[in-house]
Every structure is written in C-alpha cells, then in structure tokens.
Amino acid sequence: MTQAGPGDEPPEPRGRLRPTSARALTTCAVLGLAVGWGVHRVGDAVAGRPPLVSWVQALALVLVAAIMAFLAWHTWQTVHVRGERLDPQQALNRLVLARACALGGAVVAAGYVGYAVSWLGDQSEVADRWVLRSVVAALGGVGVMLASLALERACRADGGRPRT
C-alpha cells in the first residue's frame, strides 16, 4: 500500500446513482395507463362529459421531446465527443431533469394510451378525434421519455459503460 504524496491526486469518487430502471418506467406506465383509462369514466360521472384532448396538448409534448433530444445531443457532444467536463451543478441539474422527464414521459404516454383505449368502441361523434389526438400525445410522451433516457446516459462521464 502506498501513501499519497502531496502532488498525487486522490482517485475520483465514483457515484452510486444508477440509470432509471425499467421497473420504475414500467410502474409509471402501468399507473398512467390505469389513470388515463379511468379519466374518461370519472369525467363522465362527475362533469357529465369526459375531458377534451386538444392539439395543443399533443404538440406541446412533441415540442418537449424535441427540446430534450436537443439537450441530450448537446450534452453528448460536450462530454463524449469534445471531452469537456460539465460544471457539476449543471450536470446534476441535467441528470435530475432527465430522470424526472423520463418517468413523467412514461406516465403521460401511458395515460394518453389509456384515454385513447377508453374511447375505442364508443359511438360518439368525437371519439375518433380524441383517439387520434391521444395517440399523437402518447407518441410525444414516448419521445420525451426516450430523449430523457438519452440525456441521462449523456450525463454519465463513462458513457454508460459497465464498471469493471
């Protein structure tokens, strides 16, 4: 065992954070699916009509997915292509944002899928409209989740390689 001299740097600390697990994403998706399906029924019972799904909701999710994808790409370029280091606070902020958006994206995507499924077989004149808008919103939610997982990986200094 050797002693560290005054000019020797201590080894870099290794973090204990793990990537967002498939279990967490699946749990969020199952909860979102159940809530999304139930919103139609509860809305009918309480307000006399189910909640509306507008194009603004769907396109907002697509916009958030694009922003997260750009941030993931930019972070990957900075850390892994150019080999620069992020400020620790900036890296932590991006990591927290990535994890929150990955879980939130899973909930939202599954929620819109559940809402779309609740309209299947409904003879209402607006059913097709709500199904289409819900599917687009669900795709936006999936995009948010995937881009967020990419950002989370880009924040890893080792590129996500397993430790040896």
C-alpha atoms as a PDB file:
ATOM      1  CA  MET A   1       0.000   0.000   0.000  1.00  0.00           C
ATOM      2  CA  THR A   2       1.456   3.353  -0.981  1.00  0.00           C
ATOM      3  CA  GLN A   3       0.878   6.658   0.684  1.00  0.00           C
ATOM      4  CA  ALA A   4      -0.377   9.556  -1.397  1.00  0.00           C
ATOM      5  CA  GLY A   5       2.211  12.280  -1.716  1.00  0.00           C
ATOM      6  CA  PRO A   6       1.467  15.994  -1.746  1.00  0.00           C
ATOM      7  CA  GLY A   7       1.451  16.079  -5.582  1.00  0.00           C
ATOM      8  CA  ASP A   8      -0.706  12.977  -6.009  1.00  0.00           C
ATOM      9  CA  GLU A   9      -4.374  13.489  -6.625  1.00  0.00           C
ATOM     10  CA  PRO A  10      -6.868  11.286  -4.831  1.00  0.00           C
ATOM     11  CA  PRO A  11      -8.893   8.983  -7.072  1.00  0.00           C
ATOM     12  CA  GLU A  12     -12.087  10.449  -8.401  1.00  0.00           C
ATOM     13  CA  PRO A  13     -15.101   9.434  -6.386  1.00  0.00           C
ATOM     14  CA  ARG A  14     -17.466   7.051  -8.100  1.00  0.00           C
ATOM     15  CA  GLY A  15     -21.136   7.877  -7.924  1.00  0.00           C
ATOM     16  CA  ARG A  16     -23.787   5.496  -6.767  1.00  0.00           C
ATOM     17  CA  LEU A  17     -26.609   6.689  -8.991  1.00  0.00           C
ATOM     18  CA  ARG A  18     -27.918   4.054 -11.314  1.00  0.00           C
ATOM     19  CA  PRO A  19     -29.724   4.746 -14.568  1.00  0.00           C
ATOM     20  CA  THR A  20     -33.502   4.900 -14.423  1.00  0.00           C
ATOM     21  CA  SER A  21     -34.645   1.316 -14.123  1.00  0.00           C
ATOM     22  CA  ALA A  22     -37.029  -0.492 -16.395  1.00  0.00           C
ATOM     23  CA  ARG A  23     -39.016  -1.355 -13.266  1.00  0.00           C
ATOM     24  CA  ALA A  24     -39.567   2.325 -12.457  1.00  0.00           C
ATOM     25  CA  LEU A  25     -40.580   3.101 -16.039  1.00  0.00           C
ATOM     26  CA  THR A  26     -42.936   0.110 -16.135  1.00  0.00           C
ATOM     27  CA  THR A  27     -44.534   1.078 -12.827  1.00  0.00           C
ATOM     28  CA  CYS A  28     -45.110   4.605 -14.092  1.00  0.00           C
ATOM     29  CA  ALA A  29     -46.558   3.282 -17.343  1.00  0.00           C
ATOM     30  CA  VAL A  30     -48.972   0.919 -15.584  1.00  0.00           C
ATOM     31  CA  LEU A  31     -50.156   3.693 -13.270  1.00  0.00           C
ATOM     32  CA  GLY A  32     -50.521   6.100 -16.191  1.00  0.00           C
ATOM     33  CA  LEU A  33     -52.489   3.556 -18.207  1.00  0.00           C
ATOM     34  CA  ALA A  34     -54.928   2.965 -15.363  1.00  0.00           C
ATOM     35  CA  VAL A  35     -55.394   6.672 -14.643  1.00  0.00           C
ATOM     36  CA  GLY A  36     -55.773   7.520 -18.343  1.00  0.00           C
ATOM     37  CA  TRP A  37     -58.444   4.886 -18.814  1.00  0.00           C
ATOM     38  CA  GLY A  38     -60.252   5.983 -15.638  1.00  0.00           C
ATOM     39  CA  VAL A  39     -60.265   9.685 -16.517  1.00  0.00           C
ATOM     40  CA  HIS A  40     -62.845   9.101 -19.233  1.00  0.00           C
ATOM     41  CA  ARG A  41     -65.221   7.300 -16.877  1.00  0.00           C
ATOM     42  CA  VAL A  42     -64.709   9.689 -13.954  1.00  0.00           C
ATOM     43  CA  GLY A  43     -65.118  12.729 -16.200  1.00  0.00           C
ATOM     44  CA  ASP A  44     -68.421  11.373 -17.494  1.00  0.00           C
ATOM     45  CA  ALA A  45     -69.663  10.674 -13.983  1.00  0.00           C
ATOM     46  CA  VAL A  46     -68.542  13.922 -12.340  1.00  0.00           C
ATOM     47  CA  ALA A  47     -68.758  16.590 -15.035  1.00  0.00           C
ATOM     48  CA  GLY A  48     -71.169  14.932 -17.424  1.00  0.00           C
ATOM     49  CA  ARG A  49     -68.527  14.840 -20.176  1.00  0.00           C
ATOM     50  CA  PRO A  50     -65.025  13.453 -20.477  1.00  0.00           C
ATOM     51  CA  PRO A  51     -62.021  15.800 -20.618  1.00  0.00           C
ATOM     52  CA  LEU A  52     -61.116  17.202 -24.013  1.00  0.00           C
ATOM     53  CA  VAL A  53     -57.808  16.488 -25.725  1.00  0.00           C
ATOM     54  CA  SER A  54     -56.596  19.395 -27.820  1.00  0.00           C
ATOM     55  CA  TRP A  55     -53.871  19.559 -30.419  1.00  0.00           C
ATOM     56  CA  VAL A  56     -52.033  21.997 -28.155  1.00  0.00           C
ATOM     57  CA  GLN A  57     -51.537  19.262 -25.542  1.00  0.00           C
ATOM     58  CA  ALA A  58     -50.256  16.791 -28.110  1.00  0.00           C
ATOM     59  CA  LEU A  59     -47.951  19.232 -29.861  1.00  0.00           C
ATOM     60  CA  ALA A  60     -46.602  20.575 -26.558  1.00  0.00           C
ATOM     61  CA  LEU A  61     -45.390  17.065 -25.735  1.00  0.00           C
ATOM     62  CA  VAL A  62     -43.761  16.773 -29.150  1.00  0.00           C
ATOM     63  CA  LEU A  63     -42.025  20.119 -28.531  1.00  0.00           C
ATOM     64  CA  VAL A  64     -40.760  18.984 -25.109  1.00  0.00           C
ATOM     65  CA  ALA A  65     -39.460  15.774 -26.712  1.00  0.00           C
ATOM     66  CA  ALA A  66     -37.568  17.826 -29.308  1.00  0.00           C
ATOM     67  CA  ILE A  67     -36.066  20.072 -26.618  1.00  0.00           C
ATOM     68  CA  MET A  68     -34.970  17.071 -24.549  1.00  0.00           C
ATOM     69  CA  ALA A  69     -33.485  15.406 -27.640  1.00  0.00           C
ATOM     70  CA  PHE A  70     -31.503  18.542 -28.461  1.00  0.00           C
ATOM     71  CA  LEU A  71     -30.260  18.803 -24.877  1.00  0.00           C
ATOM     72  CA  ALA A  72     -29.222  15.128 -24.943  1.00  0.00           C
ATOM     73  CA  TRP A  73     -27.370  15.607 -28.221  1.00  0.00           C
ATOM     74  CA  HIS A  74     -25.650  18.774 -26.972  1.00  0.00           C
ATOM     75  CA  THR A  75     -24.624  17.108 -23.713  1.00  0.00           C
ATOM     76  CA  TRP A  76     -23.286  14.054 -25.560  1.00  0.00           C
ATOM     77  CA  GLN A  77     -21.264  16.282 -27.879  1.00  0.00           C
ATOM     78  CA  THR A  78     -19.840  18.239 -24.952  1.00  0.00           C
ATOM     79  CA  VAL A  79     -18.944  15.320 -22.701  1.00  0.00           C
ATOM     80  CA  HIS A  80     -18.207  12.419 -25.040  1.00  0.00           C
ATOM     81  CA  VAL A  81     -17.171  13.926 -28.364  1.00  0.00           C
ATOM     82  CA  ARG A  82     -15.231  17.024 -27.284  1.00  0.00           C
ATOM     83  CA  GLY A  83     -14.208  15.505 -23.942  1.00  0.00           C
ATOM     84  CA  GLU A  84     -15.154  18.583 -21.942  1.00  0.00           C
ATOM     85  CA  ARG A  85     -16.478  18.434 -18.406  1.00  0.00           C
ATOM     86  CA  LEU A  86     -19.784  19.916 -17.391  1.00  0.00           C
ATOM     87  CA  ASP A  87     -19.972  22.114 -14.340  1.00  0.00           C
ATOM     88  CA  PRO A  88     -21.036  19.750 -11.507  1.00  0.00           C
ATOM     89  CA  GLN A  89     -24.186  21.757 -10.773  1.00  0.00           C
ATOM     90  CA  GLN A  90     -25.116  21.803 -14.462  1.00  0.00           C
ATOM     91  CA  ALA A  91     -24.531  18.056 -14.771  1.00  0.00           C
ATOM     92  CA  LEU A  92     -26.665  17.378 -11.703  1.00  0.00           C
ATOM     93  CA  ASN A  93     -29.440  19.636 -12.994  1.00  0.00           C
ATOM     94  CA  ARG A  94     -29.462  17.835 -16.345  1.00  0.00           C
ATOM     95  CA  LEU A  95     -29.456  14.448 -14.645  1.00  0.00           C
ATOM     96  CA  VAL A  96     -32.375  15.363 -12.388  1.00  0.00           C
ATOM     97  CA  LEU A  97     -34.272  16.838 -15.343  1.00  0.00           C
ATOM     98  CA  ALA A  98     -33.605  13.701 -17.389  1.00  0.00           C
ATOM     99  CA  ARG A  99     -34.804  11.325 -14.690  1.00  0.00           C
ATOM    100  CA  ALA A 100     -37.925  13.370 -13.918  1.00  0.00           C
ATOM    101  CA  CYS A 101     -38.838  13.712 -17.591  1.00  0.00           C
ATOM    102  CA  ALA A 102     -38.219  10.008 -18.272  1.00  0.00           C
ATOM    103  CA  LEU A 103     -40.608   8.979 -15.504  1.00  0.00           C
ATOM    104  CA  GLY A 104     -43.067  11.752 -16.345  1.00  0.00           C
ATOM    105  CA  GLY A 105     -42.945  10.875 -20.030  1.00  0.00           C
ATOM    106  CA  ALA A 106     -43.773   7.250 -19.226  1.00  0.00           C
ATOM    107  CA  VAL A 107     -46.761   8.283 -17.081  1.00  0.00           C
ATOM    108  CA  VAL A 108     -48.069  10.772 -19.637  1.00  0.00           C
ATOM    109  CA  ALA A 109     -47.602   8.479 -22.637  1.00  0.00           C
ATOM    110  CA  ALA A 110     -49.381   5.608 -20.930  1.00  0.00           C
ATOM    111  CA  GLY A 111     -52.074   7.955 -19.645  1.00  0.00           C
ATOM    112  CA  TYR A 112     -52.902   9.096 -23.160  1.00  0.00           C
ATOM    113  CA  VAL A 113     -52.854   5.484 -24.390  1.00  0.00           C
ATOM    114  CA  GLY A 114     -55.316   4.566 -21.620  1.00  0.00           C
ATOM    115  CA  TYR A 115     -57.510   7.509 -22.544  1.00  0.00           C
ATOM    116  CA  ALA A 116     -57.435   6.518 -26.229  1.00  0.00           C
ATOM    117  CA  VAL A 117     -58.318   2.909 -25.358  1.00  0.00           C
ATOM    118  CA  SER A 118     -61.273   4.119 -23.280  1.00  0.00           C
ATOM    119  CA  TRP A 119     -62.751   5.670 -26.437  1.00  0.00           C
ATOM    120  CA  LEU A 120     -62.463   2.528 -28.580  1.00  0.00           C
ATOM    121  CA  GLY A 121     -65.897   1.207 -29.484  1.00  0.00           C
ATOM    122  CA  ASP A 122     -67.570   4.446 -28.390  1.00  0.00           C
ATOM    123  CA  GLN A 123     -70.164   5.576 -30.955  1.00  0.00           C
ATOM    124  CA  SER A 124     -69.746   9.254 -30.062  1.00  0.00           C
ATOM    125  CA  GLU A 125     -69.040  11.650 -32.920  1.00  0.00           C
ATOM    126  CA  VAL A 126     -65.902  12.927 -31.145  1.00  0.00           C
ATOM    127  CA  ALA A 127     -64.422   9.511 -30.311  1.00  0.00           C
ATOM    128  CA  ASP A 128     -62.219   9.303 -33.412  1.00  0.00           C
ATOM    129  CA  ARG A 129     -60.933  12.821 -32.815  1.00  0.00           C
ATOM    130  CA  TRP A 130     -59.972  12.089 -29.190  1.00  0.00           C
ATOM    131  CA  VAL A 131     -58.350   8.777 -30.117  1.00  0.00           C
ATOM    132  CA  LEU A 132     -56.166  10.412 -32.790  1.00  0.00           C
ATOM    133  CA  ARG A 133     -55.138  13.314 -30.549  1.00  0.00           C
ATOM    134  CA  SER A 134     -54.456  10.952 -27.650  1.00  0.00           C
ATOM    135  CA  VAL A 135     -52.247   8.755 -29.834  1.00  0.00           C
ATOM    136  CA  VAL A 136     -50.229  11.770 -31.019  1.00  0.00           C
ATOM    137  CA  ALA A 137     -49.887  12.946 -27.403  1.00  0.00           C
ATOM    138  CA  ALA A 138     -48.811   9.429 -26.362  1.00  0.00           C
ATOM    139  CA  LEU A 139     -46.159   9.420 -29.074  1.00  0.00           C
ATOM    140  CA  GLY A 140     -44.963  12.785 -27.762  1.00  0.00           C
ATOM    141  CA  GLY A 141     -44.784  11.305 -24.259  1.00  0.00           C
ATOM    142  CA  VAL A 142     -42.756   8.351 -25.549  1.00  0.00           C
ATOM    143  CA  GLY A 143     -40.463  10.827 -27.291  1.00  0.00           C
ATOM    144  CA  VAL A 144     -39.990  12.736 -24.028  1.00  0.00           C
ATOM    145  CA  MET A 145     -39.168   9.500 -22.216  1.00  0.00           C
ATOM    146  CA  LEU A 146     -36.672   8.270 -24.820  1.00  0.00           C
ATOM    147  CA  ALA A 147     -34.946  11.643 -25.198  1.00  0.00           C
ATOM    148  CA  SER A 148     -34.727  11.925 -21.416  1.00  0.00           C
ATOM    149  CA  LEU A 149     -33.132   8.494 -21.139  1.00  0.00           C
ATOM    150  CA  ALA A 150     -30.621   9.580 -23.792  1.00  0.00           C
ATOM    151  CA  LEU A 151     -29.883  12.737 -21.779  1.00  0.00           C
ATOM    152  CA  GLU A 152     -29.417  10.665 -18.642  1.00  0.00           C
ATOM    153  CA  ARG A 153     -26.891   8.490 -20.459  1.00  0.00           C
ATOM    154  CA  ALA A 154     -25.126  11.532 -21.924  1.00  0.00           C
ATOM    155  CA  CYS A 155     -24.612  12.892 -18.404  1.00  0.00           C
ATOM    156  CA  ARG A 156     -22.576   9.822 -17.445  1.00  0.00           C
ATOM    157  CA  ALA A 157     -18.879  10.554 -17.631  1.00  0.00           C
ATOM    158  CA  ASP A 158     -18.123   6.939 -18.583  1.00  0.00           C
ATOM    159  CA  GLY A 159     -20.704   6.899 -21.375  1.00  0.00           C
ATOM    160  CA  GLY A 160     -22.804   4.325 -19.567  1.00  0.00           C
ATOM    161  CA  ARG A 161     -20.187   1.571 -19.837  1.00  0.00           C
ATOM    162  CA  PRO A 162     -20.418  -1.036 -17.072  1.00  0.00           C
ATOM    163  CA  ARG A 163     -17.780  -0.823 -14.365  1.00  0.00           C
ATOM    164  CA  THR A 164     -15.034  -3.424 -14.304  1.00  0.00           C
END
